[in-house]
């Protein structure tokens, strides 16, 4: 496989072998690869494990009329295993099933996790989550909502979800950012995007 880099150079990757080491809800694959070197030529074969958990979509539910942001809070086992507070404040997100469009996932998960309907949807971008050991990407959006309708506890019982949505004025959402109280990167990145684009977004949606 060849890749065109940001500097216009063409680089090669040769896949020598691929095998699946583990597969249940998630999957662990082992790759044996050779790749182009900065000084020229190809590397010796390298063996790497890659965690396959699918791809995700996430959305910032933003209310331009109230200048408010909708967050969710839920228990996350990964945070518990890392020794962090396992009740994570984040934005709505979900795994993209085969054949689904990321924007459809964003709309579906907004209803399931916060009870809100997304109006106009703005694309932010597609990003790697942990490129050193996982193929997972997350596609980010910002969606227009009416935050006055947010209430209750949400989530799917069959998936063991217990999700609390809540609304913060934009200024208080920014305070979470400044105080380091956002502990997951996709929410951090999405909130920073909102800081950079809020004025333009409000002008567009009003």
Protein backbone atom coordinates (compact mmCIF):
# COMPACT_ATOMS: atom_id res chain seq x y z
CA UNK A 1 0.00 0.00 0.00
CA UNK A 2 1.23 3.51 -0.79
CA UNK A 3 0.43 6.70 1.12
CA UNK A 4 0.75 10.34 0.06
CA UNK A 5 1.98 12.41 2.99
CA UNK A 6 1.31 16.04 3.85
CA UNK A 7 4.70 16.93 2.33
CA UNK A 8 3.84 15.31 -0.98
CA UNK A 9 6.11 12.29 -0.54
CA UNK A 10 4.90 8.80 -1.36
CA UNK A 11 5.53 6.14 1.27
CA UNK A 12 4.93 2.40 1.23
CA UNK A 13 3.54 -0.11 3.68
CA UNK A 14 3.86 -3.85 3.06
CA UNK A 15 1.58 -6.16 5.04
CA UNK A 16 3.40 -9.48 5.39
CA UNK A 17 0.93 -11.20 7.69
CA UNK A 18 -2.27 -10.61 9.64
CA UNK A 19 -3.89 -12.90 12.22
CA UNK A 20 -6.68 -12.55 14.78
CA UNK A 21 -5.52 -13.31 18.33
CA UNK A 22 -8.84 -12.71 20.12
CA UNK A 23 -12.42 -12.01 19.08
CA UNK A 24 -15.56 -11.41 21.13
CA UNK A 25 -17.32 -8.03 21.35
CA UNK A 26 -13.90 -6.51 20.63
CA UNK A 27 -11.10 -7.98 18.54
CA UNK A 28 -7.30 -8.10 18.76
CA UNK A 29 -5.35 -8.54 15.52
CA UNK A 30 -1.62 -9.04 14.99
CA UNK A 31 0.08 -7.43 12.00
CA UNK A 32 3.54 -8.07 10.58
CA UNK A 33 4.53 -5.07 8.44
CA UNK A 34 7.37 -3.30 6.71
CA UNK A 35 7.20 0.43 6.05
CA UNK A 36 9.17 3.23 4.43
CA UNK A 37 11.94 4.84 6.49
CA UNK A 38 12.62 8.58 6.66
CA UNK A 39 16.18 8.01 5.40
CA UNK A 40 15.01 5.76 2.56
CA UNK A 41 14.36 2.07 2.04
CA UNK A 42 12.09 -0.20 4.02
CA UNK A 43 12.15 -1.21 7.67
CA UNK A 44 12.76 -4.70 8.92
CA UNK A 45 9.51 -6.59 9.64
CA UNK A 46 7.73 -5.19 12.71
CA UNK A 47 5.03 -7.01 14.69
CA UNK A 48 2.23 -4.96 16.24
CA UNK A 49 -1.06 -5.80 17.94
CA UNK A 50 -4.06 -3.64 16.99
CA UNK A 51 -7.19 -3.36 19.11
CA UNK A 52 -10.32 -3.39 16.94
CA UNK A 53 -13.40 -1.94 18.62
CA UNK A 54 -15.12 -0.44 15.59
CA UNK A 55 -15.61 3.23 14.74
CA UNK A 56 -17.68 5.83 16.53
CA UNK A 57 -19.60 9.04 15.97
CA UNK A 58 -20.15 11.80 18.54
CA UNK A 59 -22.08 15.04 18.62
CA UNK A 60 -22.03 18.28 20.61
CA UNK A 61 -25.70 19.04 21.32
CA UNK A 62 -25.65 22.84 21.23
CA UNK A 63 -28.56 25.25 21.74
CA UNK A 64 -27.73 28.57 20.02
CA UNK A 65 -30.88 30.26 21.30
CA UNK A 66 -30.04 29.62 24.96
CA UNK A 67 -26.26 29.52 24.31
CA UNK A 68 -26.19 26.23 26.19
CA UNK A 69 -24.45 22.87 25.83
CA UNK A 70 -25.91 19.43 26.61
CA UNK A 71 -23.57 16.95 28.29
CA UNK A 72 -24.15 13.41 29.52
CA UNK A 73 -22.69 11.60 32.53
CA UNK A 74 -22.30 7.84 32.84
CA UNK A 75 -20.17 5.13 34.46
CA UNK A 76 -17.19 4.04 32.32
CA UNK A 77 -15.30 0.84 33.16
CA UNK A 78 -12.14 2.00 31.36
CA UNK A 79 -11.93 5.06 33.59
CA UNK A 80 -12.40 2.85 36.66
CA UNK A 81 -9.57 0.55 35.49
CA UNK A 82 -7.34 3.61 34.95
CA UNK A 83 -7.89 4.76 38.55
CA UNK A 84 -9.90 7.84 37.53
CA UNK A 85 -13.38 8.94 38.57
CA UNK A 86 -15.49 6.46 36.56
CA UNK A 87 -18.50 8.79 36.22
CA UNK A 88 -17.43 10.56 33.06
CA UNK A 89 -18.81 13.85 31.72
CA UNK A 90 -18.86 13.62 27.93
CA UNK A 91 -20.83 14.29 24.77
CA UNK A 92 -23.28 11.90 23.14
CA UNK A 93 -21.48 9.14 21.19
CA UNK A 94 -22.00 5.66 19.82
CA UNK A 95 -20.51 2.89 17.71
CA UNK A 96 -21.19 2.96 13.96
CA UNK A 97 -22.78 -0.33 12.92
CA UNK A 98 -22.08 -1.83 9.50
CA UNK A 99 -23.93 0.09 6.80
CA UNK A 100 -24.68 3.10 9.03
CA UNK A 101 -23.70 6.68 8.28
CA UNK A 102 -21.93 8.57 11.10
CA UNK A 103 -24.53 11.36 11.02
CA UNK A 104 -27.33 8.83 11.51
CA UNK A 105 -25.52 7.42 14.53
CA UNK A 106 -25.15 10.92 16.00
CA UNK A 107 -28.89 11.53 15.67
CA UNK A 108 -29.85 8.11 17.04
CA UNK A 109 -27.54 8.30 20.03
CA UNK A 110 -28.73 11.81 20.90
CA UNK A 111 -32.24 10.42 21.36
CA UNK A 112 -31.10 7.29 23.21
CA UNK A 113 -28.64 8.99 25.56
CA UNK A 114 -30.17 12.41 26.18
CA UNK A 115 -33.70 12.38 24.81
CA UNK A 116 -33.01 15.27 22.45
CA UNK A 117 -33.72 15.59 18.75
CA UNK A 118 -30.88 16.93 16.62
CA UNK A 119 -31.81 19.59 14.08
CA UNK A 120 -29.15 20.89 11.72
CA UNK A 121 -25.88 18.96 11.92
CA UNK A 122 -22.44 20.44 11.24
CA UNK A 123 -19.46 18.19 10.49
CA UNK A 124 -16.32 18.76 12.57
CA UNK A 125 -13.99 16.00 11.34
CA UNK A 126 -12.80 12.41 11.67
CA UNK A 127 -10.00 11.55 14.12
CA UNK A 128 -7.98 8.62 15.42
CA UNK A 129 -8.62 7.83 19.07
CA UNK A 130 -5.46 5.91 20.05
CA UNK A 131 -3.35 5.52 16.92
CA UNK A 132 -0.52 3.67 18.63
CA UNK A 133 -2.56 0.53 19.20
CA UNK A 134 -6.08 0.87 17.83
CA UNK A 135 -7.74 1.44 14.46
CA UNK A 136 -10.70 3.21 16.08
CA UNK A 137 -11.77 6.56 14.65
CA UNK A 138 -14.38 8.99 15.89
CA UNK A 139 -16.36 11.29 13.59
CA UNK A 140 -17.40 14.49 15.36
CA UNK A 141 -20.42 16.69 14.73
CA UNK A 142 -22.15 19.66 16.31
CA UNK A 143 -25.94 19.47 16.31
CA UNK A 144 -28.58 22.07 16.99
CA UNK A 145 -30.96 21.18 19.85
CA UNK A 146 -33.59 22.72 22.10
CA UNK A 147 -31.98 22.31 25.53
CA UNK A 148 -35.21 23.19 27.37
CA UNK A 149 -36.46 19.66 26.68
CA UNK A 150 -33.61 17.86 28.44
CA UNK A 151 -34.64 15.82 31.50
CA UNK A 152 -34.74 12.32 32.98
CA UNK A 153 -32.40 9.34 32.92
CA UNK A 154 -31.66 7.65 29.59
CA UNK A 155 -29.88 4.72 27.94
CA UNK A 156 -30.76 1.22 26.79
CA UNK A 157 -31.56 -1.28 29.57
CA UNK A 158 -30.36 -4.19 27.43
CA UNK A 159 -26.92 -2.54 27.24
CA UNK A 160 -26.79 -1.74 30.96
CA UNK A 161 -26.76 2.01 30.30
CA UNK A 162 -27.58 4.53 33.03
CA UNK A 163 -27.09 8.00 31.52
CA UNK A 164 -27.85 11.40 33.02
CA UNK A 165 -28.07 14.32 30.56
CA UNK A 166 -27.63 17.84 31.87
CA UNK A 167 -27.43 21.35 30.43
CA UNK A 168 -24.78 23.99 31.10
CA UNK A 169 -24.61 27.56 29.89
CA UNK A 170 -21.74 28.01 27.44
CA UNK A 171 -19.71 29.95 30.04
CA UNK A 172 -19.96 27.08 32.53
CA UNK A 173 -19.05 24.54 29.85
CA UNK A 174 -15.90 26.58 29.19
CA UNK A 175 -15.17 26.53 32.92
CA UNK A 176 -15.11 22.72 32.82
CA UNK A 177 -12.52 23.01 30.07
CA UNK A 178 -10.34 25.54 31.91
CA UNK A 179 -10.48 23.64 35.20
CA UNK A 180 -9.42 20.32 33.64
CA UNK A 181 -12.66 18.57 34.56
CA UNK A 182 -13.09 17.00 31.11
CA UNK A 183 -11.10 13.77 31.23
CA UNK A 184 -11.79 12.23 27.82
CA UNK A 185 -10.13 13.55 24.69
CA UNK A 186 -12.98 13.51 22.20
CA UNK A 187 -15.12 15.69 24.48
CA UNK A 188 -12.14 17.95 25.13
CA UNK A 189 -11.45 18.33 21.39
CA UNK A 190 -15.11 18.87 20.53
CA UNK A 191 -15.53 21.51 23.23
CA UNK A 192 -12.41 23.32 22.03
CA UNK A 193 -13.89 23.27 18.51
CA UNK A 194 -17.03 24.90 19.88
CA UNK A 195 -14.96 27.62 21.54
CA UNK A 196 -13.31 28.40 18.19
CA UNK A 197 -16.53 28.26 16.13
CA UNK A 198 -19.32 29.35 18.48
CA UNK A 199 -19.75 32.89 17.15
CA UNK A 200 -19.93 31.75 13.54
CA UNK A 201 -22.30 28.93 14.50
CA UNK A 202 -24.68 31.24 16.36
CA UNK A 203 -24.74 33.68 13.44
CA UNK A 204 -25.56 30.81 11.10
CA UNK A 205 -28.31 29.31 13.26
CA UNK A 206 -30.08 32.53 14.29
